[in-house]
Amino acid sequence: MGTKITSRGYLDAGSLGRLPTKEGGTLHFGGIKRAPVLGDSGVLGFTENYESAPSIKVTIAHANSTDEKKIQDFVGENLTLNLNSGKKYTLMNAWTSDPLELVIKDGHLDVLFVGTELIPL
């Protein structure tokens, strides 16, 4: 039996429901960046700093029924990303991070959701 490689997914976004996402998207796990600490004798160890928050970036197909204001005002809800490989992730207490921009020629909105924690299900 072969291994199924992740190639598709869909996003259930709380009060927004299932979003009509186009092909692709990005899941950023967020977390800690480790940097080496150097001394006279070489590497002493490392330090840890939070580098970024977890996020999900998707492209939403824009149509007559798209409620841009509701998407822009999305705050404090959980999102679940379901992948065709069987993996699922919930982004906790998520919000829309960047102002929306409609790409008219392609009929889509790129939306970045950022949250406080990413939980694999």
C-alpha atoms as a PDB file:
ATOM      1  CA  MET A   1       0.000   0.000   0.000  1.00  0.00           C
ATOM      2  CA  GLY A   2       1.348   3.425  -0.956  1.00  0.00           C
ATOM      3  CA  THR A   3       1.658   6.462   1.224  1.00  0.00           C
ATOM      4  CA  LYS A   4      -0.840   9.226   0.511  1.00  0.00           C
ATOM      5  CA  ILE A   5       0.962  12.552   0.148  1.00  0.00           C
ATOM      6  CA  THR A   6      -0.849  15.729   1.180  1.00  0.00           C
ATOM      7  CA  SER A   7      -2.071  17.578  -1.912  1.00  0.00           C
ATOM      8  CA  ARG A   8      -5.504  19.021  -1.054  1.00  0.00           C
ATOM      9  CA  GLY A   9      -7.406  20.330   1.916  1.00  0.00           C
ATOM     10  CA  TYR A  10     -10.414  22.277   3.062  1.00  0.00           C
ATOM     11  CA  LEU A  11     -10.916  24.804   5.841  1.00  0.00           C
ATOM     12  CA  ASP A  12     -13.824  24.927   8.275  1.00  0.00           C
ATOM     13  CA  ALA A  13     -13.722  28.415   9.762  1.00  0.00           C
ATOM     14  CA  GLY A  14     -16.109  28.707  12.714  1.00  0.00           C
ATOM     15  CA  SER A  15     -18.966  31.118  11.941  1.00  0.00           C
ATOM     16  CA  LEU A  16     -17.702  31.512   8.348  1.00  0.00           C
ATOM     17  CA  GLY A  17     -18.423  27.826   7.682  1.00  0.00           C
ATOM     18  CA  ARG A  18     -16.487  25.866   5.090  1.00  0.00           C
ATOM     19  CA  LEU A  19     -14.585  28.379   2.988  1.00  0.00           C
ATOM     20  CA  PRO A  20     -14.520  28.000  -0.818  1.00  0.00           C
ATOM     21  CA  THR A  21     -10.740  27.789  -1.018  1.00  0.00           C
ATOM     22  CA  LYS A  22      -8.791  27.480  -4.213  1.00  0.00           C
ATOM     23  CA  GLU A  23      -6.011  24.988  -4.757  1.00  0.00           C
ATOM     24  CA  GLY A  24      -3.083  25.270  -2.391  1.00  0.00           C
ATOM     25  CA  GLY A  25      -2.678  27.095   0.879  1.00  0.00           C
ATOM     26  CA  THR A  26      -0.032  27.203   3.582  1.00  0.00           C
ATOM     27  CA  LEU A  27       0.064  25.889   7.127  1.00  0.00           C
ATOM     28  CA  HIS A  28       2.717  27.589   9.274  1.00  0.00           C
ATOM     29  CA  PHE A  29       3.377  25.728  12.524  1.00  0.00           C
ATOM     30  CA  GLY A  30       4.873  28.727  14.326  1.00  0.00           C
ATOM     31  CA  GLY A  31       6.972  28.227  17.396  1.00  0.00           C
ATOM     32  CA  ILE A  32      10.456  28.520  18.712  1.00  0.00           C
ATOM     33  CA  LYS A  33      13.651  29.394  16.903  1.00  0.00           C
ATOM     34  CA  ARG A  34      16.855  27.993  18.349  1.00  0.00           C
ATOM     35  CA  ALA A  35      20.134  29.849  17.926  1.00  0.00           C
ATOM     36  CA  PRO A  36      23.598  28.627  18.885  1.00  0.00           C
ATOM     37  CA  VAL A  37      25.456  30.206  21.773  1.00  0.00           C
ATOM     38  CA  LEU A  38      29.180  30.321  21.059  1.00  0.00           C
ATOM     39  CA  GLY A  39      32.059  30.546  23.488  1.00  0.00           C
ATOM     40  CA  ASP A  40      35.855  30.485  23.343  1.00  0.00           C
ATOM     41  CA  SER A  41      35.829  26.681  23.237  1.00  0.00           C
ATOM     42  CA  GLY A  42      33.110  26.339  20.598  1.00  0.00           C
ATOM     43  CA  VAL A  43      29.368  25.821  20.807  1.00  0.00           C
ATOM     44  CA  LEU A  44      28.108  26.065  24.400  1.00  0.00           C
ATOM     45  CA  GLY A  45      24.460  25.326  23.669  1.00  0.00           C
ATOM     46  CA  PHE A  46      21.516  27.231  22.315  1.00  0.00           C
ATOM     47  CA  THR A  47      18.899  29.820  23.195  1.00  0.00           C
ATOM     48  CA  GLU A  48      15.200  29.715  22.397  1.00  0.00           C
ATOM     49  CA  ASN A  49      12.959  32.580  21.310  1.00  0.00           C
ATOM     50  CA  TYR A  50       9.430  32.542  19.971  1.00  0.00           C
ATOM     51  CA  GLU A  51       9.823  33.369  16.288  1.00  0.00           C
ATOM     52  CA  SER A  52       6.249  33.371  15.024  1.00  0.00           C
ATOM     53  CA  ALA A  53       2.660  32.455  15.732  1.00  0.00           C
ATOM     54  CA  PRO A  54       0.935  29.544  13.985  1.00  0.00           C
ATOM     55  CA  SER A  55      -1.091  30.495  10.906  1.00  0.00           C
ATOM     56  CA  ILE A  56      -3.070  29.247   7.939  1.00  0.00           C
ATOM     57  CA  LYS A  57      -3.009  31.090   4.615  1.00  0.00           C
ATOM     58  CA  VAL A  58      -5.646  30.282   2.000  1.00  0.00           C
ATOM     59  CA  THR A  59      -6.981  31.714  -1.222  1.00  0.00           C
ATOM     60  CA  ILE A  60     -10.752  32.119  -1.153  1.00  0.00           C
ATOM     61  CA  ALA A  61     -12.712  32.053  -4.404  1.00  0.00           C
ATOM     62  CA  HIS A  62     -14.567  35.379  -4.649  1.00  0.00           C
ATOM     63  CA  ALA A  63     -18.190  35.372  -5.802  1.00  0.00           C
ATOM     64  CA  ASN A  64     -21.399  37.361  -5.523  1.00  0.00           C
ATOM     65  CA  SER A  65     -22.119  35.686  -2.159  1.00  0.00           C
ATOM     66  CA  THR A  66     -18.690  36.403  -0.593  1.00  0.00           C
ATOM     67  CA  ASP A  67     -19.060  38.433   2.616  1.00  0.00           C
ATOM     68  CA  GLU A  68     -15.763  40.347   2.743  1.00  0.00           C
ATOM     69  CA  LYS A  69     -16.709  42.236   5.924  1.00  0.00           C
ATOM     70  CA  LYS A  70     -17.465  39.029   7.813  1.00  0.00           C
ATOM     71  CA  ILE A  71     -14.117  37.552   6.736  1.00  0.00           C
ATOM     72  CA  GLN A  72     -12.220  40.751   7.668  1.00  0.00           C
ATOM     73  CA  ASP A  73     -13.952  40.926  11.085  1.00  0.00           C
ATOM     74  CA  PHE A  74     -13.254  37.252  11.931  1.00  0.00           C
ATOM     75  CA  VAL A  75     -11.743  37.146  15.444  1.00  0.00           C
ATOM     76  CA  GLY A  76     -11.434  34.661  18.310  1.00  0.00           C
ATOM     77  CA  GLU A  77     -12.748  31.494  16.677  1.00  0.00           C
ATOM     78  CA  ASN A  78     -11.215  28.117  15.905  1.00  0.00           C
ATOM     79  CA  LEU A  79     -10.373  26.936  12.376  1.00  0.00           C
ATOM     80  CA  THR A  80      -9.928  23.313  11.343  1.00  0.00           C
ATOM     81  CA  LEU A  81      -7.791  22.420   8.346  1.00  0.00           C
ATOM     82  CA  ASN A  82      -8.604  18.945   6.962  1.00  0.00           C
ATOM     83  CA  LEU A  83      -6.031  17.448   4.594  1.00  0.00           C
ATOM     84  CA  ASN A  84      -6.579  14.637   2.093  1.00  0.00           C
ATOM     85  CA  SER A  85      -3.723  12.677   3.687  1.00  0.00           C
ATOM     86  CA  GLY A  86      -5.894  12.262   6.778  1.00  0.00           C
ATOM     87  CA  LYS A  87      -4.153  14.850   8.953  1.00  0.00           C
ATOM     88  CA  LYS A  88      -6.201  17.576  10.661  1.00  0.00           C
ATOM     89  CA  TYR A  89      -5.120  20.700  12.508  1.00  0.00           C
ATOM     90  CA  THR A  90      -7.104  23.165  14.605  1.00  0.00           C
ATOM     91  CA  LEU A  91      -5.902  26.763  14.856  1.00  0.00           C
ATOM     92  CA  MET A  92      -7.165  28.055  18.189  1.00  0.00           C
ATOM     93  CA  ASN A  93      -8.563  31.562  18.848  1.00  0.00           C
ATOM     94  CA  ALA A  94      -7.807  32.625  15.281  1.00  0.00           C
ATOM     95  CA  TRP A  95      -8.210  36.020  13.651  1.00  0.00           C
ATOM     96  CA  THR A  96      -7.825  37.518  10.185  1.00  0.00           C
ATOM     97  CA  SER A  97      -4.386  39.095  10.241  1.00  0.00           C
ATOM     98  CA  ASP A  98      -4.003  41.244   7.126  1.00  0.00           C
ATOM     99  CA  PRO A  99      -6.421  43.608   5.379  1.00  0.00           C
ATOM    100  CA  LEU A 100      -8.214  41.848   2.528  1.00  0.00           C
ATOM    101  CA  GLU A 101      -7.264  42.418  -1.066  1.00  0.00           C
ATOM    102  CA  LEU A 102      -9.379  41.206  -3.974  1.00  0.00           C
ATOM    103  CA  VAL A 103      -7.458  40.086  -7.056  1.00  0.00           C
ATOM    104  CA  ILE A 104     -10.144  40.896  -9.617  1.00  0.00           C
ATOM    105  CA  LYS A 105      -8.585  39.193 -12.641  1.00  0.00           C
ATOM    106  CA  ASP A 106      -8.278  35.872 -10.778  1.00  0.00           C
ATOM    107  CA  GLY A 107     -11.413  36.263  -8.615  1.00  0.00           C
ATOM    108  CA  HIS A 108      -9.802  35.537  -5.275  1.00  0.00           C
ATOM    109  CA  LEU A 109      -8.949  36.836  -1.816  1.00  0.00           C
ATOM    110  CA  ASP A 110      -5.730  35.780  -0.092  1.00  0.00           C
ATOM    111  CA  VAL A 111      -6.492  35.472   3.617  1.00  0.00           C
ATOM    112  CA  LEU A 112      -4.041  34.941   6.477  1.00  0.00           C
ATOM    113  CA  PHE A 113      -5.488  33.539   9.698  1.00  0.00           C
ATOM    114  CA  VAL A 114      -3.245  33.682  12.779  1.00  0.00           C
ATOM    115  CA  GLY A 115      -3.978  31.954  16.074  1.00  0.00           C
ATOM    116  CA  THR A 116      -2.663  31.283  19.553  1.00  0.00           C
ATOM    117  CA  GLU A 117      -2.022  27.539  19.188  1.00  0.00           C
ATOM    118  CA  LEU A 118      -2.015  24.867  16.470  1.00  0.00           C
ATOM    119  CA  ILE A 119      -3.295  21.493  17.636  1.00  0.00           C
ATOM    120  CA  PRO A 120      -2.888  18.354  15.517  1.00  0.00           C
ATOM    121  CA  LEU A 121      -6.003  16.180  15.741  1.00  0.00           C
END
